[in-house]
Amino acid sequence: MTTNDFLPAAAPVARLIQALHKLPGVGAKTAQRLTYYLVRMPEEEARALAEAIIAVKEQIILCSLCQNLTEQDPCPICTDPTRDRTTICVLEEPLDVLAIERTRCYAGLYHVLHGVISPMNGIGAEELKIRELLMRLNGGTVQELVLATNPNLEGEATAMYIHRLVSPLVPKITRLARGLPVGGDLEYADLITLTRAFQGRQAL
């Protein structure tokens, strides 16, 4: 899709449509509707939105320990003295951390991979934060690693790959119970399902 696809729209409008269309899950029609909504938005609200986007790009970094999004390094979860430092939960994306934190059923630490192994999309293990995970496990203090990747083909393949790598480093490796629907994402799981899945995790 190019800027020409949106003519005869004014050039700034066409550029915004094109930019929104690049966002995940935003099709051409949705990008157009969002753009014309933004055009009609009060200038103060539009500037606030633009400033929020810029702030995210300028102020948000990755925690050097867990790789989660944060404003400070290490992040508040990694520096929380009440967290169980013998357990690490491995997740695909930062949104998954929020999903599990809402359940209040887990008190350990996290590690965010920022994706899954997906040969179809050209994503290999080297693109993920697996090396950083191995560095955390080398200290020998972690007693359980919870593999909480999504229950789909890519998530399962990633979990199996990590399992093979970390088996010599961690005494106990578990996977979330199958309370989660196959093909679903943690981000969309309801609290009860996610809590039961977490509590029913099993050793691999």
C-alpha atoms as a PDB file:
ATOM      1  CA  MET A   1       0.000   0.000   0.000  1.00  0.00           C
ATOM      2  CA  THR A   2       1.417   3.365  -1.029  1.00  0.00           C
ATOM      3  CA  THR A   3       0.467   6.987  -0.488  1.00  0.00           C
ATOM      4  CA  ASN A   4      -1.015   7.002  -4.013  1.00  0.00           C
ATOM      5  CA  ASP A   5      -3.618   4.465  -2.896  1.00  0.00           C
ATOM      6  CA  PHE A   6      -5.220   7.155  -0.755  1.00  0.00           C
ATOM      7  CA  LEU A   7      -5.484   9.920  -3.351  1.00  0.00           C
ATOM      8  CA  PRO A   8      -7.321  12.238  -3.775  1.00  0.00           C
ATOM      9  CA  ALA A   9      -6.942  12.626   0.011  1.00  0.00           C
ATOM     10  CA  ALA A  10      -4.682  15.490   1.080  1.00  0.00           C
ATOM     11  CA  ALA A  11      -1.057  14.393   1.425  1.00  0.00           C
ATOM     12  CA  PRO A  12      -0.907  14.645   5.280  1.00  0.00           C
ATOM     13  CA  VAL A  13      -4.117  12.602   5.511  1.00  0.00           C
ATOM     14  CA  ALA A  14      -2.782   9.963   3.127  1.00  0.00           C
ATOM     15  CA  ARG A  15       0.487   9.731   5.060  1.00  0.00           C
ATOM     16  CA  LEU A  16      -1.367   9.223   8.341  1.00  0.00           C
ATOM     17  CA  ILE A  17      -3.574   6.516   6.823  1.00  0.00           C
ATOM     18  CA  GLN A  18      -0.507   4.771   5.500  1.00  0.00           C
ATOM     19  CA  ALA A  19       1.235   5.005   8.892  1.00  0.00           C
ATOM     20  CA  LEU A  20      -1.776   3.610  10.776  1.00  0.00           C
ATOM     21  CA  HIS A  21      -2.140   0.805   8.261  1.00  0.00           C
ATOM     22  CA  LYS A  22       1.301  -0.467   9.332  1.00  0.00           C
ATOM     23  CA  LEU A  23       0.019  -1.147  12.849  1.00  0.00           C
ATOM     24  CA  PRO A  24      -0.837  -4.800  13.628  1.00  0.00           C
ATOM     25  CA  GLY A  25      -4.479  -5.644  13.080  1.00  0.00           C
ATOM     26  CA  VAL A  26      -5.254  -2.361  11.328  1.00  0.00           C
ATOM     27  CA  GLY A  27      -6.578  -2.856   7.806  1.00  0.00           C
ATOM     28  CA  ALA A  28      -6.920  -0.200   5.124  1.00  0.00           C
ATOM     29  CA  LYS A  29     -10.526   0.667   5.993  1.00  0.00           C
ATOM     30  CA  THR A  30      -9.791   0.852   9.717  1.00  0.00           C
ATOM     31  CA  ALA A  31      -6.767   3.061   9.045  1.00  0.00           C
ATOM     32  CA  GLN A  32      -8.969   5.416   7.051  1.00  0.00           C
ATOM     33  CA  ARG A  33     -11.648   5.555   9.767  1.00  0.00           C
ATOM     34  CA  LEU A  34      -9.038   6.224  12.462  1.00  0.00           C
ATOM     35  CA  THR A  35      -7.446   8.958  10.371  1.00  0.00           C
ATOM     36  CA  TYR A  36     -10.699  10.820   9.791  1.00  0.00           C
ATOM     37  CA  TYR A  37     -11.545  10.428  13.480  1.00  0.00           C
ATOM     38  CA  LEU A  38      -8.196  12.036  14.332  1.00  0.00           C
ATOM     39  CA  VAL A  39      -8.851  14.843  11.847  1.00  0.00           C
ATOM     40  CA  ARG A  40     -12.071  15.685  13.677  1.00  0.00           C
ATOM     41  CA  MET A  41     -10.485  15.307  17.126  1.00  0.00           C
ATOM     42  CA  PRO A  42      -9.937  18.532  19.121  1.00  0.00           C
ATOM     43  CA  GLU A  43      -6.397  19.808  18.652  1.00  0.00           C
ATOM     44  CA  GLU A  44      -5.636  19.498  22.378  1.00  0.00           C
ATOM     45  CA  GLU A  45      -6.527  15.798  22.373  1.00  0.00           C
ATOM     46  CA  ALA A  46      -4.570  15.167  19.187  1.00  0.00           C
ATOM     47  CA  ARG A  47      -1.469  16.810  20.657  1.00  0.00           C
ATOM     48  CA  ALA A  48      -1.863  14.768  23.860  1.00  0.00           C
ATOM     49  CA  LEU A  49      -1.967  11.577  21.781  1.00  0.00           C
ATOM     50  CA  ALA A  50       1.110  12.608  19.805  1.00  0.00           C
ATOM     51  CA  GLU A  51       2.984  13.464  23.002  1.00  0.00           C
ATOM     52  CA  ALA A  52       2.054  10.110  24.536  1.00  0.00           C
ATOM     53  CA  ILE A  53       3.473   8.281  21.512  1.00  0.00           C
ATOM     54  CA  ILE A  54       6.688  10.321  21.640  1.00  0.00           C
ATOM     55  CA  ALA A  55       7.005   9.736  25.406  1.00  0.00           C
ATOM     56  CA  VAL A  56       6.767   5.978  24.901  1.00  0.00           C
ATOM     57  CA  LYS A  57       9.560   6.076  22.334  1.00  0.00           C
ATOM     58  CA  GLU A  58      11.777   8.375  24.413  1.00  0.00           C
ATOM     59  CA  GLN A  59      11.201   7.090  27.942  1.00  0.00           C
ATOM     60  CA  ILE A  60      10.411   3.371  27.727  1.00  0.00           C
ATOM     61  CA  ILE A  61      13.345   0.939  27.757  1.00  0.00           C
ATOM     62  CA  LEU A  62      13.826  -2.778  28.310  1.00  0.00           C
ATOM     63  CA  CYS A  63      14.721  -3.990  31.780  1.00  0.00           C
ATOM     64  CA  SER A  64      18.251  -5.385  31.601  1.00  0.00           C
ATOM     65  CA  LEU A  65      17.155  -8.380  33.704  1.00  0.00           C
ATOM     66  CA  CYS A  66      13.671  -9.476  32.641  1.00  0.00           C
ATOM     67  CA  GLN A  67      13.460  -7.599  29.305  1.00  0.00           C
ATOM     68  CA  ASN A  68      10.035  -6.169  30.217  1.00  0.00           C
ATOM     69  CA  LEU A  69       9.096  -2.609  29.282  1.00  0.00           C
ATOM     70  CA  THR A  70      10.020  -0.123  31.986  1.00  0.00           C
ATOM     71  CA  GLU A  71      10.941   3.477  32.757  1.00  0.00           C
ATOM     72  CA  GLN A  72      13.692   2.458  35.170  1.00  0.00           C
ATOM     73  CA  ASP A  73      16.346  -0.231  35.015  1.00  0.00           C
ATOM     74  CA  PRO A  74      16.004  -2.698  36.663  1.00  0.00           C
ATOM     75  CA  CYS A  75      12.208  -2.611  36.580  1.00  0.00           C
ATOM     76  CA  PRO A  76       9.989  -2.407  39.715  1.00  0.00           C
ATOM     77  CA  ILE A  77       9.184  -6.133  39.605  1.00  0.00           C
ATOM     78  CA  CYS A  78      12.842  -7.171  39.445  1.00  0.00           C
ATOM     79  CA  THR A  79      13.741  -4.865  42.337  1.00  0.00           C
ATOM     80  CA  ASP A  80      10.742  -5.810  44.508  1.00  0.00           C
ATOM     81  CA  PRO A  81      12.216  -7.566  47.589  1.00  0.00           C
ATOM     82  CA  THR A  82       8.969  -9.478  48.177  1.00  0.00           C
ATOM     83  CA  ARG A  83       9.151 -11.391  44.864  1.00  0.00           C
ATOM     84  CA  ASP A  84      10.252 -15.027  44.861  1.00  0.00           C
ATOM     85  CA  ARG A  85      13.646 -14.989  43.154  1.00  0.00           C
ATOM     86  CA  THR A  86      13.813 -18.758  42.801  1.00  0.00           C
ATOM     87  CA  THR A  87      11.069 -18.800  40.135  1.00  0.00           C
ATOM     88  CA  ILE A  88      11.063 -17.217  36.684  1.00  0.00           C
ATOM     89  CA  CYS A  89       8.053 -17.199  34.375  1.00  0.00           C
ATOM     90  CA  VAL A  90       8.959 -17.024  30.669  1.00  0.00           C
ATOM     91  CA  LEU A  91       6.483 -15.083  28.518  1.00  0.00           C
ATOM     92  CA  GLU A  92       6.207 -14.061  24.886  1.00  0.00           C
ATOM     93  CA  GLU A  93       5.274 -10.395  25.224  1.00  0.00           C
ATOM     94  CA  PRO A  94       5.083  -7.588  27.829  1.00  0.00           C
ATOM     95  CA  LEU A  95       1.262  -7.699  27.661  1.00  0.00           C
ATOM     96  CA  ASP A  96       1.443 -11.240  29.070  1.00  0.00           C
ATOM     97  CA  VAL A  97       3.114  -9.889  32.226  1.00  0.00           C
ATOM     98  CA  LEU A  98       0.130  -7.621  32.800  1.00  0.00           C
ATOM     99  CA  ALA A  99      -2.271 -10.526  32.269  1.00  0.00           C
ATOM    100  CA  ILE A 100      -0.588 -12.704  34.892  1.00  0.00           C
ATOM    101  CA  GLU A 101      -0.096  -9.854  37.353  1.00  0.00           C
ATOM    102  CA  ARG A 102      -3.857  -9.231  37.282  1.00  0.00           C
ATOM    103  CA  THR A 103      -4.486 -12.745  38.601  1.00  0.00           C
ATOM    104  CA  ARG A 104      -2.379 -12.094  41.740  1.00  0.00           C
ATOM    105  CA  CYS A 105      -1.565 -15.822  41.784  1.00  0.00           C
ATOM    106  CA  TYR A 106       2.134 -15.548  40.948  1.00  0.00           C
ATOM    107  CA  ALA A 107       4.828 -13.907  43.059  1.00  0.00           C
ATOM    108  CA  GLY A 108       7.994 -14.809  41.184  1.00  0.00           C
ATOM    109  CA  LEU A 109      10.009 -12.994  38.522  1.00  0.00           C
ATOM    110  CA  TYR A 110       9.489 -12.808  34.759  1.00  0.00           C
ATOM    111  CA  HIS A 111      11.438 -13.053  31.552  1.00  0.00           C
ATOM    112  CA  VAL A 112       9.980 -11.637  28.318  1.00  0.00           C
ATOM    113  CA  LEU A 113      11.127 -13.208  25.046  1.00  0.00           C
ATOM    114  CA  HIS A 114       9.629 -10.535  22.764  1.00  0.00           C
ATOM    115  CA  GLY A 115       8.254 -13.064  20.322  1.00  0.00           C
ATOM    116  CA  VAL A 116       8.324 -16.759  19.452  1.00  0.00           C
ATOM    117  CA  ILE A 117      10.289 -18.946  17.098  1.00  0.00           C
ATOM    118  CA  SER A 118       8.455 -18.758  13.771  1.00  0.00           C
ATOM    119  CA  PRO A 119      10.330 -19.985  10.677  1.00  0.00           C
ATOM    120  CA  MET A 120       7.356 -18.984   8.495  1.00  0.00           C
ATOM    121  CA  ASN A 121       7.900 -15.369   9.562  1.00  0.00           C
ATOM    122  CA  GLY A 122      11.679 -15.590   9.495  1.00  0.00           C
ATOM    123  CA  ILE A 123      12.011 -15.409  13.302  1.00  0.00           C
ATOM    124  CA  GLY A 124      14.673 -17.664  14.782  1.00  0.00           C
ATOM    125  CA  ALA A 125      15.854 -18.204  18.340  1.00  0.00           C
ATOM    126  CA  GLU A 126      18.566 -15.592  17.911  1.00  0.00           C
ATOM    127  CA  GLU A 127      15.909 -12.886  17.500  1.00  0.00           C
ATOM    128  CA  LEU A 128      14.451 -13.643  20.929  1.00  0.00           C
ATOM    129  CA  LYS A 129      15.750 -12.775  24.400  1.00  0.00           C
ATOM    130  CA  ILE A 130      16.869 -16.359  25.056  1.00  0.00           C
ATOM    131  CA  ARG A 131      20.552 -15.568  25.550  1.00  0.00           C
ATOM    132  CA  GLU A 132      19.596 -13.121  28.303  1.00  0.00           C
ATOM    133  CA  LEU A 133      17.513 -15.850  29.940  1.00  0.00           C
ATOM    134  CA  LEU A 134      20.431 -18.272  29.944  1.00  0.00           C
ATOM    135  CA  MET A 135      22.623 -15.634  31.582  1.00  0.00           C
ATOM    136  CA  ARG A 136      20.079 -15.274  34.400  1.00  0.00           C
ATOM    137  CA  LEU A 137      19.996 -19.032  34.954  1.00  0.00           C
ATOM    138  CA  ASN A 138      23.760 -19.430  35.179  1.00  0.00           C
ATOM    139  CA  GLY A 139      23.770 -18.178  38.771  1.00  0.00           C
ATOM    140  CA  GLY A 140      22.092 -21.331  40.006  1.00  0.00           C
ATOM    141  CA  THR A 141      19.546 -19.536  42.216  1.00  0.00           C
ATOM    142  CA  VAL A 142      16.508 -20.283  40.028  1.00  0.00           C
ATOM    143  CA  GLN A 143      14.748 -23.481  41.127  1.00  0.00           C
ATOM    144  CA  GLU A 144      11.732 -23.378  38.794  1.00  0.00           C
ATOM    145  CA  LEU A 145      11.253 -22.071  35.289  1.00  0.00           C
ATOM    146  CA  VAL A 146       7.627 -21.650  34.193  1.00  0.00           C
ATOM    147  CA  LEU A 147       7.255 -21.791  30.415  1.00  0.00           C
ATOM    148  CA  ALA A 148       4.153 -19.675  29.803  1.00  0.00           C
ATOM    149  CA  THR A 149       4.279 -19.224  26.054  1.00  0.00           C
ATOM    150  CA  ASN A 150       0.920 -19.266  24.279  1.00  0.00           C
ATOM    151  CA  PRO A 151      -0.671 -22.695  23.620  1.00  0.00           C
ATOM    152  CA  ASN A 152      -0.316 -22.568  19.837  1.00  0.00           C
ATOM    153  CA  LEU A 153       2.142 -24.118  17.379  1.00  0.00           C
ATOM    154  CA  GLU A 154       4.792 -21.389  17.674  1.00  0.00           C
ATOM    155  CA  GLY A 155       4.423 -21.124  21.446  1.00  0.00           C
ATOM    156  CA  GLU A 156       4.792 -24.872  21.920  1.00  0.00           C
ATOM    157  CA  ALA A 157       7.833 -25.020  19.618  1.00  0.00           C
ATOM    158  CA  THR A 158       9.468 -22.152  21.521  1.00  0.00           C
ATOM    159  CA  ALA A 159       8.766 -23.814  24.876  1.00  0.00           C
ATOM    160  CA  MET A 160      10.276 -27.100  23.682  1.00  0.00           C
ATOM    161  CA  TYR A 161      13.364 -25.304  22.368  1.00  0.00           C
ATOM    162  CA  ILE A 162      13.915 -23.458  25.647  1.00  0.00           C
ATOM    163  CA  HIS A 163      13.257 -26.644  27.621  1.00  0.00           C
ATOM    164  CA  ARG A 164      16.108 -28.405  25.844  1.00  0.00           C
ATOM    165  CA  LEU A 165      18.463 -25.491  26.479  1.00  0.00           C
ATOM    166  CA  VAL A 166      17.733 -24.931  30.159  1.00  0.00           C
ATOM    167  CA  SER A 167      17.259 -28.509  31.377  1.00  0.00           C
ATOM    168  CA  PRO A 168      20.850 -28.718  32.697  1.00  0.00           C
ATOM    169  CA  LEU A 169      20.487 -25.359  34.475  1.00  0.00           C
ATOM    170  CA  VAL A 170      17.143 -25.555  36.316  1.00  0.00           C
ATOM    171  CA  PRO A 171      15.936 -28.352  38.642  1.00  0.00           C
ATOM    172  CA  LYS A 172      12.244 -27.882  37.782  1.00  0.00           C
ATOM    173  CA  ILE A 173      10.669 -26.808  34.499  1.00  0.00           C
ATOM    174  CA  THR A 174       6.895 -26.439  34.296  1.00  0.00           C
ATOM    175  CA  ARG A 175       4.308 -25.533  31.665  1.00  0.00           C
ATOM    176  CA  LEU A 176       0.971 -23.858  32.305  1.00  0.00           C
ATOM    177  CA  ALA A 177      -1.897 -26.343  32.605  1.00  0.00           C
ATOM    178  CA  ARG A 178      -4.224 -26.808  29.666  1.00  0.00           C
ATOM    179  CA  GLY A 179      -6.913 -24.611  31.132  1.00  0.00           C
ATOM    180  CA  LEU A 180      -5.931 -22.219  28.353  1.00  0.00           C
ATOM    181  CA  PRO A 181      -7.603 -22.824  24.994  1.00  0.00           C
ATOM    182  CA  VAL A 182      -5.364 -24.140  22.235  1.00  0.00           C
ATOM    183  CA  GLY A 183      -4.655 -21.352  19.782  1.00  0.00           C
ATOM    184  CA  GLY A 184      -5.529 -18.650  22.321  1.00  0.00           C
ATOM    185  CA  ASP A 185      -3.369 -15.860  23.707  1.00  0.00           C
ATOM    186  CA  LEU A 186      -2.692 -15.116  27.379  1.00  0.00           C
ATOM    187  CA  GLU A 187      -3.581 -11.499  26.754  1.00  0.00           C
ATOM    188  CA  TYR A 188      -7.223 -12.439  26.088  1.00  0.00           C
ATOM    189  CA  ALA A 189      -7.682 -15.142  28.740  1.00  0.00           C
ATOM    190  CA  ASP A 190     -10.120 -14.397  31.537  1.00  0.00           C
ATOM    191  CA  LEU A 191      -8.786 -14.218  35.097  1.00  0.00           C
ATOM    192  CA  ILE A 192     -10.296 -17.496  36.296  1.00  0.00           C
ATOM    193  CA  THR A 193      -8.955 -19.508  33.345  1.00  0.00           C
ATOM    194  CA  LEU A 194      -5.513 -17.950  33.639  1.00  0.00           C
ATOM    195  CA  THR A 195      -5.393 -18.454  37.411  1.00  0.00           C
ATOM    196  CA  ARG A 196      -6.368 -22.131  37.139  1.00  0.00           C
ATOM    197  CA  ALA A 197      -3.860 -22.678  34.351  1.00  0.00           C
ATOM    198  CA  PHE A 198      -1.131 -21.162  36.472  1.00  0.00           C
ATOM    199  CA  GLN A 199      -2.025 -23.090  39.610  1.00  0.00           C
ATOM    200  CA  GLY A 200      -2.246 -26.334  37.642  1.00  0.00           C
ATOM    201  CA  ARG A 201       1.104 -26.043  35.890  1.00  0.00           C
ATOM    202  CA  GLN A 202       2.914 -29.349  35.457  1.00  0.00           C
ATOM    203  CA  ALA A 203       6.508 -30.483  35.266  1.00  0.00           C
ATOM    204  CA  LEU A 204       7.886 -31.162  31.794  1.00  0.00           C
END
